[in-house]
Each structure stands twice: as C-alpha cells, then as structure tokens.
Amino acid sequence: ANGDIGQGEIYFNTVCANCHGLDGDLPTDMGTTLGALSNKNPWEIIQKIMNGQPDEDMPAMRGFGIVPSTDILAYLQTLPAE
C-alpha cells in the first residue's frame, strides 16, 4: 500500500490495537494475523477499515476518509505474518 506507515502506526496504536493487539494477532478466532491478511488481501482490509466488521464491535472509519485507511493498511503490511 502507498500509505504513510508512520501515520498508520499512530492510527493503529490509537484506534485498533486495543482489540487487535500491538502485533495484529487478536482476536485469535480470526484464524490469521492482520499482517498476513493485509498482504494477502489488501482490498478486504480497506473494506473492513472503512465499513467495519458486520456482527462485531469493529467500528467503521469511513468518516475519516480513505487516506487514514490507506495509512493503516500500509502499517498493517509491516506487521508479523505469523
């Protein structure tokens, strides 16, 4: 992703890490890490960041626009894949 990794880290640590863990390995029932998923299917990650996750507590970030979502995706792609 062409987002700003540094900004993505700030957004992730502020908004996402509480539920997803600092390494993106939570919740464990995801079956994979955010690092692995963001590299395998970046479009799915953008969709979930923008629109939230149905039937989960994950909020939609659509109100922030595409730039923060792209920054978060760029950062997620640097997280451990295992």
N, C-alpha and C. Protein backbone atom coordinates (compact mmCIF):
# COMPACT_ATOMS: atom_id res chain seq x y z
N ALA A 1 0.84 -1.18 0.00
CA ALA A 1 0.00 0.00 0.00
C ALA A 1 0.88 1.24 0.00
N ASN A 2 0.40 2.30 -0.56
CA ASN A 2 1.17 3.53 -0.67
C ASN A 2 0.88 4.53 0.44
N GLY A 3 0.32 4.07 1.54
CA GLY A 3 0.03 4.97 2.65
C GLY A 3 1.28 5.31 3.44
N ASP A 4 1.12 6.21 4.38
CA ASP A 4 2.19 6.64 5.27
C ASP A 4 2.26 5.67 6.46
N ILE A 5 3.29 4.85 6.50
CA ILE A 5 3.43 3.82 7.52
C ILE A 5 3.47 4.43 8.93
N GLY A 6 4.19 5.53 9.09
CA GLY A 6 4.28 6.19 10.40
C GLY A 6 2.93 6.67 10.89
N GLN A 7 2.17 7.30 10.02
CA GLN A 7 0.82 7.75 10.39
C GLN A 7 -0.07 6.55 10.66
N GLY A 8 0.07 5.51 9.84
CA GLY A 8 -0.72 4.30 10.03
C GLY A 8 -0.46 3.67 11.39
N GLU A 9 0.80 3.70 11.83
CA GLU A 9 1.14 3.16 13.15
C GLU A 9 0.45 3.97 14.25
N ILE A 10 0.44 5.28 14.09
CA ILE A 10 -0.22 6.13 15.09
C ILE A 10 -1.71 5.82 15.14
N TYR A 11 -2.36 5.76 13.99
CA TYR A 11 -3.79 5.44 13.94
C TYR A 11 -4.05 4.06 14.55
N PHE A 12 -3.25 3.08 14.13
CA PHE A 12 -3.44 1.71 14.61
C PHE A 12 -3.30 1.64 16.12
N ASN A 13 -2.23 2.22 16.65
CA ASN A 13 -1.99 2.15 18.10
C ASN A 13 -3.05 2.90 18.89
N THR A 14 -3.66 3.90 18.29
CA THR A 14 -4.68 4.70 18.97
C THR A 14 -6.06 4.07 18.86
N VAL A 15 -6.41 3.57 17.69
CA VAL A 15 -7.78 3.13 17.42
C VAL A 15 -7.94 1.60 17.40
N CYS A 16 -6.94 0.89 16.92
CA CYS A 16 -7.11 -0.53 16.60
C CYS A 16 -6.45 -1.50 17.59
N ALA A 17 -5.32 -1.10 18.16
CA ALA A 17 -4.51 -2.04 18.94
C ALA A 17 -5.21 -2.55 20.19
N ASN A 18 -6.13 -1.79 20.74
CA ASN A 18 -6.84 -2.24 21.94
C ASN A 18 -7.54 -3.57 21.69
N CYS A 19 -8.10 -3.76 20.52
CA CYS A 19 -8.80 -5.01 20.19
C CYS A 19 -7.93 -5.98 19.40
N HIS A 20 -7.03 -5.45 18.56
CA HIS A 20 -6.25 -6.30 17.66
C HIS A 20 -4.85 -6.62 18.18
N GLY A 21 -4.45 -6.02 19.31
CA GLY A 21 -3.11 -6.25 19.84
C GLY A 21 -2.07 -5.47 19.06
N LEU A 22 -0.95 -5.19 19.68
CA LEU A 22 0.10 -4.40 19.02
C LEU A 22 0.68 -5.10 17.80
N ASP A 23 0.65 -6.44 17.77
CA ASP A 23 1.18 -7.19 16.64
C ASP A 23 0.10 -7.61 15.65
N GLY A 24 -1.16 -7.20 15.87
CA GLY A 24 -2.24 -7.55 14.96
C GLY A 24 -2.62 -9.01 14.99
N ASP A 25 -2.40 -9.66 16.15
CA ASP A 25 -2.68 -11.10 16.23
C ASP A 25 -3.94 -11.42 17.04
N LEU A 26 -4.75 -10.41 17.30
CA LEU A 26 -6.01 -10.61 18.02
C LEU A 26 -7.18 -10.12 17.16
N PRO A 27 -8.35 -10.60 17.36
CA PRO A 27 -8.71 -11.74 18.19
C PRO A 27 -8.21 -13.04 17.57
N THR A 28 -7.97 -14.01 18.41
CA THR A 28 -7.37 -15.26 17.92
C THR A 28 -8.30 -16.04 17.01
N ASP A 29 -9.60 -15.80 17.07
CA ASP A 29 -10.52 -16.53 16.21
C ASP A 29 -10.54 -16.00 14.77
N MET A 30 -9.71 -14.99 14.44
CA MET A 30 -9.61 -14.53 13.05
C MET A 30 -8.98 -15.61 12.18
N GLY A 31 -8.18 -16.47 12.80
CA GLY A 31 -7.54 -17.54 12.04
C GLY A 31 -6.25 -17.13 11.36
N THR A 32 -5.90 -15.87 11.40
CA THR A 32 -4.67 -15.37 10.81
C THR A 32 -4.34 -14.04 11.48
N THR A 33 -3.20 -13.49 11.16
CA THR A 33 -2.83 -12.18 11.70
C THR A 33 -3.21 -11.08 10.71
N LEU A 34 -3.30 -9.87 11.20
CA LEU A 34 -3.57 -8.75 10.30
C LEU A 34 -2.42 -8.53 9.33
N GLY A 35 -1.19 -8.84 9.76
CA GLY A 35 -0.04 -8.73 8.85
C GLY A 35 -0.18 -9.65 7.66
N ALA A 36 -0.58 -10.89 7.91
CA ALA A 36 -0.75 -11.85 6.82
C ALA A 36 -1.92 -11.46 5.93
N LEU A 37 -3.04 -11.14 6.54
CA LEU A 37 -4.24 -10.82 5.76
C LEU A 37 -4.07 -9.56 4.94
N SER A 38 -3.40 -8.56 5.49
CA SER A 38 -3.24 -7.29 4.77
C SER A 38 -2.34 -7.43 3.54
N ASN A 39 -1.44 -8.39 3.57
CA ASN A 39 -0.61 -8.64 2.39
C ASN A 39 -1.28 -9.58 1.40
N LYS A 40 -2.10 -10.50 1.91
CA LYS A 40 -2.79 -11.44 1.04
C LYS A 40 -3.98 -10.79 0.33
N ASN A 41 -4.75 -9.98 1.08
CA ASN A 41 -5.97 -9.41 0.53
C ASN A 41 -6.15 -7.97 1.02
N PRO A 42 -5.36 -7.03 0.49
CA PRO A 42 -5.45 -5.65 0.95
C PRO A 42 -6.81 -5.01 0.73
N TRP A 43 -7.51 -5.42 -0.32
CA TRP A 43 -8.84 -4.84 -0.58
C TRP A 43 -9.82 -5.20 0.53
N GLU A 44 -9.72 -6.41 1.06
CA GLU A 44 -10.59 -6.81 2.16
C GLU A 44 -10.31 -5.95 3.40
N ILE A 45 -9.05 -5.69 3.66
CA ILE A 45 -8.67 -4.88 4.81
C ILE A 45 -9.21 -3.46 4.66
N ILE A 46 -9.03 -2.86 3.49
CA ILE A 46 -9.56 -1.50 3.27
C ILE A 46 -11.07 -1.48 3.48
N GLN A 47 -11.76 -2.48 2.95
CA GLN A 47 -13.21 -2.54 3.11
C GLN A 47 -13.59 -2.62 4.58
N LYS A 48 -12.89 -3.43 5.35
CA LYS A 48 -13.21 -3.59 6.77
C LYS A 48 -12.84 -2.35 7.58
N ILE A 49 -11.74 -1.71 7.25
CA ILE A 49 -11.38 -0.46 7.94
C ILE A 49 -12.44 0.60 7.66
N MET A 50 -12.82 0.74 6.41
CA MET A 50 -13.78 1.77 6.03
C MET A 50 -15.19 1.50 6.55
N ASN A 51 -15.61 0.22 6.52
CA ASN A 51 -17.01 -0.11 6.80
C ASN A 51 -17.24 -0.88 8.09
N GLY A 52 -16.18 -1.25 8.79
CA GLY A 52 -16.33 -2.04 10.00
C GLY A 52 -16.51 -3.51 9.66
N GLN A 53 -16.72 -4.30 10.70
CA GLN A 53 -16.91 -5.75 10.52
C GLN A 53 -18.31 -6.10 10.99
N PRO A 54 -19.15 -6.63 10.10
CA PRO A 54 -20.51 -6.99 10.50
C PRO A 54 -20.53 -7.95 11.69
N ASP A 55 -21.48 -7.74 12.58
CA ASP A 55 -21.69 -8.58 13.76
C ASP A 55 -20.51 -8.56 14.73
N GLU A 56 -19.65 -7.56 14.63
CA GLU A 56 -18.53 -7.39 15.56
C GLU A 56 -18.55 -5.97 16.10
N ASP A 57 -17.73 -5.70 17.09
CA ASP A 57 -17.64 -4.36 17.66
C ASP A 57 -16.73 -3.43 16.86
N MET A 58 -16.19 -3.90 15.75
CA MET A 58 -15.28 -3.08 14.96
C MET A 58 -16.03 -1.94 14.28
N PRO A 59 -15.66 -0.71 14.62
CA PRO A 59 -16.35 0.44 14.04
C PRO A 59 -15.89 0.75 12.63
N ALA A 60 -16.74 1.43 11.88
CA ALA A 60 -16.38 1.91 10.55
C ALA A 60 -15.59 3.21 10.68
N MET A 61 -14.56 3.35 9.88
CA MET A 61 -13.76 4.58 9.89
C MET A 61 -14.02 5.43 8.66
N ARG A 62 -15.11 5.16 7.96
CA ARG A 62 -15.44 5.87 6.72
C ARG A 62 -15.41 7.38 6.91
N GLY A 63 -15.83 7.86 8.06
CA GLY A 63 -15.86 9.29 8.32
C GLY A 63 -14.49 9.95 8.27
N PHE A 64 -13.43 9.18 8.45
CA PHE A 64 -12.08 9.72 8.40
C PHE A 64 -11.54 9.81 6.97
N GLY A 65 -12.18 9.11 6.04
CA GLY A 65 -11.74 9.14 4.65
C GLY A 65 -10.78 8.01 4.31
N ILE A 66 -10.40 7.97 3.06
CA ILE A 66 -9.57 6.87 2.55
C ILE A 66 -8.11 7.01 2.98
N VAL A 67 -7.60 8.22 3.18
CA VAL A 67 -6.18 8.39 3.48
C VAL A 67 -5.80 7.70 4.80
N PRO A 68 -6.50 7.93 5.92
CA PRO A 68 -6.13 7.20 7.13
C PRO A 68 -6.26 5.68 6.97
N SER A 69 -7.25 5.24 6.22
CA SER A 69 -7.42 3.80 5.99
C SER A 69 -6.24 3.23 5.22
N THR A 70 -5.77 3.96 4.23
CA THR A 70 -4.60 3.53 3.46
C THR A 70 -3.34 3.56 4.31
N ASP A 71 -3.24 4.54 5.19
CA ASP A 71 -2.09 4.59 6.10
C ASP A 71 -2.10 3.38 7.03
N ILE A 72 -3.27 3.05 7.56
CA ILE A 72 -3.37 1.88 8.44
C ILE A 72 -3.00 0.62 7.67
N LEU A 73 -3.51 0.46 6.46
CA LEU A 73 -3.17 -0.71 5.64
C LEU A 73 -1.67 -0.80 5.42
N ALA A 74 -1.03 0.32 5.09
CA ALA A 74 0.43 0.31 4.87
C ALA A 74 1.15 -0.16 6.13
N TYR A 75 0.70 0.30 7.29
CA TYR A 75 1.32 -0.16 8.53
C TYR A 75 1.06 -1.63 8.80
N LEU A 76 -0.17 -2.07 8.57
CA LEU A 76 -0.51 -3.48 8.80
C LEU A 76 0.38 -4.40 7.98
N GLN A 77 0.74 -3.97 6.78
CA GLN A 77 1.58 -4.79 5.92
C GLN A 77 3.00 -4.96 6.46
N THR A 78 3.36 -4.21 7.50
CA THR A 78 4.68 -4.37 8.13
C THR A 78 4.62 -5.26 9.36
N LEU A 79 3.42 -5.65 9.80
CA LEU A 79 3.27 -6.47 11.00
C LEU A 79 3.62 -7.93 10.71
N PRO A 80 3.94 -8.70 11.75
CA PRO A 80 4.29 -10.11 11.55
C PRO A 80 3.17 -10.88 10.84
N ALA A 81 3.56 -11.76 9.95
CA ALA A 81 2.61 -12.56 9.19
C ALA A 81 2.23 -13.85 9.92
N GLU A 82 2.81 -14.10 11.06
CA GLU A 82 2.51 -15.31 11.82
C GLU A 82 2.15 -14.96 13.25
